[in-house]
Amino acid sequence: MTPKNKKLREVGESEIIQLIDDLLFKRTKKRLIRDDAFYSKIEHVSIKRDTESLVLCLNSDMLVSTTDVPQQMNYRQMGYKAVIMNSSDLIVKGVSPQGIIISLGLPPELRVAHFKSMLNGIIDACESFEMDYIGGDINETQEIIINPTVFGVQKEKFIIHREPINPGDVVVANGKFGLTGVGLDILLNKSEKGSDPIEQFSSYKRSIKSVLSPHIGSEGIILAQSQLVNASIDSSDGLLRSLHELMRSNPQIGFEITLNNALIDNEATQYSKEFDIPLKKLIFTGAGEEFIQLFIMSKDAYKKAKKLIEQTGGHLFSIGKVINETEIYGIKKGQKFVLSGRGYEHFS
């Protein structure tokens, strides 16, 4: 068998670990930590030492190839996505990712070349956040499983939690919704096997790329330093479920979300008309994995935050408000209706 077609079962665990170490060093000039535990110096985090408490923040989300990876996603994109989906939850809390530990479940029939491509995607994402890949674990599995744990350190006063939220607060997003709803529908239901989905659906390039190559803004980190935000959450489980999660932490409130151009990306509007798919499905319940950051803040704070973010080249959109009812409503052309459903959940 040629080296190009060599499989992991022909390599073995020790050589796989060495392969990771060598590729990491080639790309970053840093090695894995070879020890019984992993260490990361807090000193290199850009936080001034003073009497304020520092908080270690961690997040772990598992990527499983059969449930999280469309067939059109290549191995490099798969590795990149695994890091992105974990970093998103830290960034929306106002915490810069500092390091990552990754446990890998690998099928023995996986080609070494494909494994290297996946590793390059992981390292791409780590480099984009200046995050250290310091180690992890490897096991033999039936499918590809990438289980990172991302961590960072932040002053306690700058961490944005899911509460407090007050009636009259503004619901703010750093992006428009609907792209992943469109992208997932194309990739899962409409793209022909073996074809290039971007070539086949050229009018919806941004939607497809939002699934295959997701992007995360830095608005959460910027806004945390300004202390203008009351609460935050990322929308990786879908907008509707994210709003329900905020209500779980703030049981006396609800939301009114306005369906207009501030909320909905124009590709979603176009796709809804062309393929007769309800916008509500694309925006609220049929998607997820948008990695859009949701912030809750006062009206006055929103004006300041919008100006601050626009100065850095980003965007903020007011998409609704907090109400003193325990319900989520949509508002469209003056008509008010209950938004039912929960968004994406495993085991359902």
Protein backbone atom coordinates (compact mmCIF):
# COMPACT_ATOMS: atom_id res chain seq x y z
CA MET A 1 0.00 0.00 0.00
CA THR A 2 1.38 3.41 -0.96
CA PRO A 3 2.12 5.94 1.83
CA LYS A 4 -0.76 8.06 0.46
CA ASN A 5 -3.26 5.27 1.19
CA LYS A 6 -1.74 4.13 4.49
CA LYS A 7 -4.29 3.66 7.26
CA LEU A 8 -4.07 4.33 10.98
CA ARG A 9 -4.25 0.61 11.82
CA GLU A 10 -0.91 0.22 10.03
CA VAL A 11 0.64 3.01 12.07
CA GLY A 12 -0.29 2.43 15.71
CA GLU A 13 -1.00 4.73 18.65
CA SER A 14 2.57 5.81 19.42
CA GLU A 15 3.27 6.81 15.83
CA ILE A 16 -0.06 8.68 15.62
CA ILE A 17 0.90 10.73 18.68
CA GLN A 18 4.31 11.42 17.15
CA LEU A 19 2.62 12.44 13.91
CA ILE A 20 0.50 14.98 15.82
CA ASP A 21 3.56 16.28 17.65
CA ASP A 22 5.62 16.62 14.47
CA LEU A 23 2.88 18.40 12.52
CA LEU A 24 2.16 20.72 15.44
CA PHE A 25 5.84 21.63 15.73
CA LYS A 26 6.14 22.16 11.98
CA ARG A 27 3.19 24.57 12.04
CA THR A 28 3.63 26.34 15.40
CA LYS A 29 7.17 25.57 16.65
CA LYS A 30 5.54 24.17 19.80
CA ARG A 31 5.36 20.57 21.01
CA LEU A 32 2.69 18.56 22.79
CA ILE A 33 3.13 18.29 26.55
CA ARG A 34 4.37 14.72 27.18
CA ASP A 35 3.49 14.22 30.84
CA ASP A 36 0.89 12.61 33.12
CA ALA A 37 -1.07 15.86 33.21
CA PHE A 38 -1.22 19.00 31.09
CA TYR A 39 -0.03 22.43 32.16
CA SER A 40 -0.49 25.93 30.82
CA LYS A 41 1.06 29.04 32.32
CA ILE A 42 -1.48 31.68 33.26
CA GLU A 43 1.26 34.32 33.15
CA HIS A 44 1.14 34.63 29.36
CA VAL A 45 -2.50 35.70 29.41
CA SER A 46 -2.74 39.46 28.87
CA ILE A 47 -4.29 40.23 32.25
CA LYS A 48 -2.68 42.63 34.68
CA ARG A 49 -2.01 41.13 38.06
CA ASP A 50 -3.94 42.86 40.80
CA THR A 51 -6.20 41.99 43.71
CA GLU A 52 -9.14 41.01 41.49
CA SER A 53 -10.10 37.35 41.15
CA LEU A 54 -9.12 35.45 38.02
CA VAL A 55 -11.53 32.77 36.86
CA LEU A 56 -10.60 29.69 34.84
CA CYS A 57 -13.26 29.17 32.14
CA LEU A 58 -13.66 25.87 30.28
CA ASN A 59 -15.91 24.42 27.59
CA SER A 60 -16.16 20.98 26.03
CA ASP A 61 -18.40 20.12 23.06
CA MET A 62 -18.00 16.83 21.21
CA LEU A 63 -17.99 16.59 17.41
CA VAL A 64 -19.25 13.21 16.15
CA SER A 65 -18.91 12.53 12.45
CA THR A 66 -22.29 10.81 11.98
CA THR A 67 -24.33 13.60 13.61
CA ASP A 68 -22.27 16.77 13.17
CA VAL A 69 -20.56 16.42 9.79
CA PRO A 70 -22.38 16.75 6.44
CA GLN A 71 -20.93 14.44 3.77
CA GLN A 72 -19.73 17.50 1.79
CA MET A 73 -17.46 18.61 4.66
CA ASN A 74 -13.82 17.69 4.12
CA TYR A 75 -11.42 16.54 6.84
CA ARG A 76 -9.71 19.89 7.25
CA GLN A 77 -13.07 21.61 7.69
CA MET A 78 -14.06 18.94 10.22
CA GLY A 79 -11.02 19.62 12.39
CA TYR A 80 -11.52 23.37 12.12
CA LYS A 81 -15.19 23.15 13.09
CA ALA A 82 -14.43 21.07 16.20
CA VAL A 83 -12.26 23.86 17.60
CA ILE A 84 -14.59 26.67 16.48
CA MET A 85 -17.66 25.17 18.15
CA ASN A 86 -15.80 24.95 21.45
CA SER A 87 -14.21 28.38 21.27
CA SER A 88 -17.54 30.06 20.53
CA ASP A 89 -18.92 29.41 24.02
CA LEU A 90 -15.88 31.03 25.66
CA ILE A 91 -15.79 34.07 23.38
CA VAL A 92 -19.46 34.93 23.93
CA LYS A 93 -18.71 34.94 27.67
CA GLY A 94 -15.94 37.48 27.10
CA VAL A 95 -13.06 35.02 27.49
CA SER A 96 -10.20 34.62 25.01
CA PRO A 97 -9.36 30.94 24.38
CA GLN A 98 -5.89 30.23 25.74
CA GLY A 99 -5.35 26.50 25.31
CA ILE A 100 -6.99 23.31 24.12
CA ILE A 101 -6.86 19.63 25.05
CA ILE A 102 -8.34 17.25 22.47
CA SER A 103 -9.44 13.64 22.89
CA LEU A 104 -9.69 11.86 19.54
CA GLY A 105 -11.72 8.79 18.64
CA LEU A 106 -10.28 7.42 15.40
CA PRO A 107 -11.42 4.56 13.13
CA PRO A 108 -8.53 2.21 12.30
CA GLU A 109 -9.44 2.40 8.59
CA LEU A 110 -8.99 6.20 8.50
CA ARG A 111 -6.24 7.12 6.05
CA VAL A 112 -3.19 8.85 7.48
CA ALA A 113 -3.47 11.55 4.79
CA HIS A 114 -7.04 12.32 5.87
CA PHE A 115 -5.99 12.35 9.52
CA LYS A 116 -3.23 14.86 8.73
CA SER A 117 -5.74 17.03 6.90
CA MET A 118 -8.02 16.96 9.96
CA LEU A 119 -5.08 17.90 12.18
CA ASN A 120 -4.24 20.83 9.93
CA GLY A 121 -7.80 22.08 10.34
CA ILE A 122 -7.47 21.83 14.11
CA ILE A 123 -4.20 23.76 14.03
CA ASP A 124 -5.67 26.36 11.63
CA ALA A 125 -8.36 27.17 14.19
CA CYS A 126 -5.90 27.16 17.10
CA GLU A 127 -3.66 29.62 15.29
CA SER A 128 -6.58 31.91 14.47
CA PHE A 129 -7.18 32.33 18.22
CA GLU A 130 -3.48 32.19 19.22
CA MET A 131 -4.43 29.15 21.29
CA ASP A 132 -2.01 26.42 22.40
CA TYR A 133 -2.79 22.81 21.47
CA ILE A 134 -1.19 21.11 24.46
CA GLY A 135 -2.28 17.47 24.32
CA GLY A 136 -5.13 15.03 24.76
CA ASP A 137 -6.02 11.36 24.33
CA ILE A 138 -6.45 8.90 21.46
CA ASN A 139 -8.71 5.87 21.23
CA GLU A 140 -9.99 3.50 18.57
CA THR A 141 -13.64 4.08 17.62
CA GLN A 142 -16.11 3.19 14.88
CA GLU A 143 -16.38 6.79 13.68
CA ILE A 144 -14.43 10.03 14.01
CA ILE A 145 -14.97 11.74 17.35
CA ILE A 146 -13.23 15.00 18.22
CA ASN A 147 -13.75 16.03 21.83
CA PRO A 148 -11.88 19.24 22.68
CA THR A 149 -11.75 21.06 25.98
CA VAL A 150 -10.98 24.75 25.47
CA PHE A 151 -9.95 26.96 28.37
CA GLY A 152 -9.13 30.58 29.11
CA VAL A 153 -8.72 32.93 32.05
CA GLN A 154 -10.57 36.17 32.69
CA LYS A 155 -11.16 38.65 35.49
CA GLU A 156 -14.39 37.76 37.25
CA LYS A 157 -15.97 41.17 36.63
CA PHE A 158 -15.56 40.84 32.85
CA ILE A 159 -17.26 37.44 32.46
CA ILE A 160 -20.75 37.71 30.92
CA HIS A 161 -23.20 35.21 32.40
CA ARG A 162 -26.75 34.34 31.29
CA GLU A 163 -28.28 36.68 33.83
CA PRO A 164 -29.47 39.18 35.01
CA ILE A 165 -32.03 40.06 32.32
CA ASN A 166 -34.65 42.77 32.82
CA PRO A 167 -37.89 43.64 30.98
CA GLY A 168 -37.18 46.43 28.50
CA ASP A 169 -33.66 45.20 27.73
CA VAL A 170 -32.68 44.87 24.07
CA VAL A 171 -31.87 41.54 22.36
CA VAL A 172 -28.78 42.09 20.22
CA ALA A 173 -26.95 39.85 17.73
CA ASN A 174 -23.57 40.19 16.03
CA GLY A 175 -24.88 38.65 12.81
CA LYS A 176 -28.02 37.94 10.84
CA PHE A 177 -29.85 34.62 10.99
CA GLY A 178 -30.84 32.10 8.36
CA LEU A 179 -27.58 31.28 6.58
CA THR A 180 -27.01 27.95 8.31
CA GLY A 181 -30.68 27.05 7.95
CA VAL A 182 -30.28 27.48 4.20
CA GLY A 183 -26.86 25.84 4.10
CA LEU A 184 -27.96 22.77 6.04
CA ASP A 185 -31.09 22.33 3.91
CA ILE A 186 -28.98 22.43 0.76
CA LEU A 187 -26.30 20.07 2.06
CA LEU A 188 -28.66 17.57 3.68
CA ASN A 189 -31.64 17.63 1.32
CA LYS A 190 -30.84 19.16 -2.07
CA SER A 191 -27.19 18.85 -3.06
CA GLU A 192 -26.52 15.99 -5.48
CA LYS A 193 -24.07 13.37 -4.23
CA GLY A 194 -20.57 13.95 -5.58
CA SER A 195 -21.33 17.45 -6.83
CA ASP A 196 -19.90 20.74 -5.62
CA PRO A 197 -22.76 22.33 -3.63
CA ILE A 198 -21.35 25.83 -4.06
CA GLU A 199 -21.23 25.37 -7.83
CA GLN A 200 -24.69 23.80 -7.89
CA PHE A 201 -26.24 26.49 -5.65
CA SER A 202 -24.07 29.48 -6.52
CA SER A 203 -26.68 31.98 -5.29
CA TYR A 204 -26.24 30.63 -1.76
CA LYS A 205 -22.45 30.51 -1.37
CA ARG A 206 -22.44 32.31 1.98
CA SER A 207 -25.07 29.94 3.35
CA ILE A 208 -23.10 26.83 2.38
CA LYS A 209 -19.82 28.28 3.65
CA SER A 210 -21.48 29.17 6.97
CA VAL A 211 -21.90 25.41 7.58
CA LEU A 212 -18.65 24.10 6.08
CA SER A 213 -16.36 26.93 7.24
CA PRO A 214 -18.00 28.75 10.18
CA HIS A 215 -16.65 32.07 11.43
CA ILE A 216 -16.72 33.57 14.92
CA GLY A 217 -16.52 37.28 15.65
CA SER A 218 -14.69 38.77 18.63
CA GLU A 219 -17.58 40.98 19.76
CA GLY A 220 -18.03 39.07 23.02
CA ILE A 221 -14.47 39.77 24.13
CA ILE A 222 -14.68 43.45 23.15
CA LEU A 223 -18.04 44.00 24.86
CA ALA A 224 -16.94 42.20 28.02
CA GLN A 225 -14.24 44.80 28.57
CA SER A 226 -16.82 47.59 28.19
CA GLN A 227 -19.17 45.98 30.76
CA LEU A 228 -22.18 47.07 28.71
CA VAL A 229 -23.77 43.61 28.49
CA ASN A 230 -26.10 42.04 31.07
CA ALA A 231 -26.21 38.51 29.64
CA SER A 232 -25.04 36.50 26.64
CA ILE A 233 -25.29 33.15 24.87
CA ASP A 234 -24.18 31.79 21.51
CA SER A 235 -26.77 30.49 19.04
CA SER A 236 -25.07 27.20 18.17
CA ASP A 237 -28.21 25.23 19.15
CA GLY A 238 -30.47 27.58 17.19
CA LEU A 239 -31.99 30.95 18.02
CA LEU A 240 -35.18 29.64 19.61
CA ARG A 241 -33.45 27.17 21.92
CA SER A 242 -30.91 29.84 22.92
CA LEU A 243 -33.75 32.15 23.96
CA HIS A 244 -35.33 29.33 25.98
CA GLU A 245 -31.99 28.75 27.73
CA LEU A 246 -31.85 32.43 28.70
CA MET A 247 -35.40 32.12 30.07
CA ARG A 248 -34.32 29.10 32.12
CA SER A 249 -31.78 31.32 33.88
CA ASN A 250 -34.28 34.21 34.11
CA PRO A 251 -37.65 32.53 34.79
CA GLN A 252 -39.76 35.71 35.01
CA ILE A 253 -39.08 37.05 31.51
CA GLY A 254 -39.75 36.34 27.85
CA PHE A 255 -38.90 37.82 24.46
CA GLU A 256 -40.40 39.58 21.47
CA ILE A 257 -38.33 39.01 18.31
CA THR A 258 -38.99 41.18 15.25
CA LEU A 259 -38.82 39.41 11.89
CA ASN A 260 -37.22 42.04 9.67
CA ASN A 261 -33.98 42.77 7.80
CA ALA A 262 -32.06 43.27 11.05
CA LEU A 263 -32.77 39.65 11.99
CA ILE A 264 -32.91 37.81 8.67
CA ASP A 265 -30.11 37.50 6.11
CA ASN A 266 -31.21 38.24 2.55
CA GLU A 267 -30.04 34.81 1.33
CA ALA A 268 -32.54 33.20 3.72
CA THR A 269 -35.34 35.42 2.45
CA GLN A 270 -34.47 34.58 -1.16
CA TYR A 271 -34.19 30.84 -0.42
CA SER A 272 -37.51 30.80 1.43
CA LYS A 273 -39.27 32.25 -1.61
CA GLU A 274 -37.48 30.09 -4.18
CA PHE A 275 -38.02 26.76 -2.42
CA ASP A 276 -41.21 27.53 -0.47
CA ILE A 277 -39.68 26.91 2.96
CA PRO A 278 -41.08 28.95 5.88
CA LEU A 279 -38.67 31.61 7.09
CA LYS A 280 -39.54 30.68 10.67
CA LYS A 281 -38.06 27.22 10.09
CA LEU A 282 -34.84 28.60 8.58
CA ILE A 283 -34.43 31.17 11.36
CA PHE A 284 -35.74 29.56 14.53
CA THR A 285 -36.09 25.77 14.49
CA GLY A 286 -34.51 24.21 11.42
CA ALA A 287 -30.95 25.30 11.96
CA GLY A 288 -28.35 25.75 14.65
CA GLU A 289 -24.56 25.96 14.49
CA GLU A 290 -24.73 29.62 13.53
CA PHE A 291 -22.27 30.64 16.26
CA ILE A 292 -23.91 34.05 16.28
CA GLN A 293 -23.44 35.83 19.59
CA LEU A 294 -26.57 37.01 21.41
CA PHE A 295 -26.31 39.83 23.95
CA ILE A 296 -28.90 41.29 26.30
CA MET A 297 -28.34 44.91 27.32
CA SER A 298 -30.19 48.10 28.15
CA LYS A 299 -31.27 50.50 25.39
CA ASP A 300 -28.66 53.06 26.40
CA ALA A 301 -25.95 50.40 26.54
CA TYR A 302 -26.90 49.20 23.05
CA LYS A 303 -26.24 52.63 21.55
CA LYS A 304 -22.77 52.69 23.10
CA ALA A 305 -22.04 49.06 22.24
CA LYS A 306 -23.07 49.47 18.59
CA LYS A 307 -20.77 52.45 18.19
CA LEU A 308 -17.91 50.60 19.89
CA ILE A 309 -18.24 47.49 17.73
CA GLU A 310 -18.60 49.46 14.49
CA GLN A 311 -15.32 51.22 15.32
CA THR A 312 -13.63 47.79 15.28
CA GLY A 313 -15.20 46.82 11.94
CA GLY A 314 -17.96 44.63 13.38
CA HIS A 315 -21.73 44.90 13.50
CA LEU A 316 -24.51 44.67 16.07
CA PHE A 317 -28.21 44.30 15.28
CA SER A 318 -31.17 44.91 17.56
CA ILE A 319 -33.50 41.95 16.93
CA GLY A 320 -36.01 42.22 19.76
CA LYS A 321 -36.69 43.05 23.37
CA VAL A 322 -37.22 41.44 26.77
CA ILE A 323 -40.80 41.33 28.09
CA ASN A 324 -42.32 40.49 31.48
CA GLU A 325 -44.24 37.47 30.15
CA THR A 326 -42.83 33.94 30.14
CA GLU A 327 -43.33 33.46 26.41
CA ILE A 328 -41.43 34.00 23.15
CA TYR A 329 -43.29 35.97 20.48
CA GLY A 330 -42.48 36.81 16.90
CA ILE A 331 -43.51 40.18 15.46
CA LYS A 332 -43.99 40.48 11.69
CA LYS A 333 -45.67 43.43 9.99
CA GLY A 334 -47.40 44.34 13.23
CA GLN A 335 -48.74 40.82 13.79
CA LYS A 336 -47.78 39.06 17.03
CA PHE A 337 -47.59 35.26 17.29
CA VAL A 338 -46.12 32.65 19.64
CA LEU A 339 -42.87 31.05 18.48
CA SER A 340 -43.22 27.37 19.36
CA GLY A 341 -40.60 24.63 19.33
CA ARG A 342 -37.19 24.33 20.93
CA GLY A 343 -34.59 24.18 18.19
CA TYR A 344 -32.01 21.43 17.83
CA GLU A 345 -31.59 18.78 20.52
CA HIS A 346 -29.78 15.43 20.51
CA PHE A 347 -31.89 12.31 21.27
CA SER A 348 -34.99 13.86 19.69
